[in-house]
């Protein structure tokens, strides 16, 4: 079952507990901890995989990846289409951490999670800067029109 946006933080915390209790990895929601997620995915890739527990662990890992990005200051969760994974969104920018987790599981180290997170964070910062510049420009234009109107 795919969690809703409001449940993603709790699912990420469940992943932290599983990472500690089952895999012996201490997760702290830092960008560096994404390497530990990759280690767990590598362990999973060596195993048999499949089944509902496996899918739940991948969902939880994707929620953890998304929460790392959110806690770094970028994006927020939105629901995907019915039956689709959660989406991270910042303005017009979106990403699907579940898809990246699956790519990392299947593709190995070439599909690293940290660069994925850093790119989203950087693009989100650019998105916010553009939105702020547009708002400032619109505000200046509005103020200029108001000044003309007051003088008339």
Foldseek 3Di string as FASTA:
>chain_A
DADFQVCLVVLLVVLQVCCCPPVVDHDDLELVCLVSLLVVLQVCLPDDADDPVNVSNLSSSLSSLVSSLVVVPFFGWHDDPVPDHIWTDQVPDIDGSSVLSVCCSPVPPVSRSSVVSVVRNVVSVVVVVVVVVVVVVVVVVVVVVVVVVVVD
